[in-house]
Amino acid sequence: MELNPLQYPIGKFAAPEIITPALRQEWIQTIAELPGQLAALLDGVDETLLEKPYREGGWSARKVIHHLYDSHINSYIRFKMALTEENPTIKPYDENTWAEMPDGNEAPIAWSIEGIKYIHLRWVYLMETMDESDWSRTYFHPESGITYRLDKVLGIYAWHCVHHLKHIQSVLK
């Protein structure tokens, strides 16, 4: 089945078989750079443009921006849980319902851009101070039934940054 390039502008995430320290550092850099890229892309934007969805049936650009904050703060918390507990079961959330709430659907984007800036500062600092053995720590996602290693989660969220940045860019073209 062919992927819709509007839905998956960089394809789906595919974890490499071996995740090296160098690759982790690239992924951390991607996460570190997202707040500045978002701020530059959206500086002075007419927020009415952000009501446009990035594809038919997709979220508006505003929802994508707020989703990035919601998703990344949850990931940061999941990282900390995995680092402080033995394979914790994380709390899933319904991202579509969150996107429909007033703070995810109507709030000024500046709030989430600032939130992403600061959560990413904390998250990057945490990841840069982790020991090699910490990357093999895990958490369990009860909805998918999958146990995730933190090194793979890092890759998923680096992909997530670029994936949604491309969605936002496509709305602003």
Foldseek 3Di string as FASTA:
>chain_A
DDDDCLQFVPDADDDDPDQDPVNLVVLLVLLLCLLVLVCVVCPPNDCVLQCDFSDVVHHGLLLLLQLLLVVLVQVLVVLVCLQVDAQEAGDDDDSVVVCPDCCNPPDDSVVSSVSSNVSSVVSSVVVVPDDPVSQQGWYAYVVVRDIDGNSVVSSNSSSSSVRSSVSNVSSVD
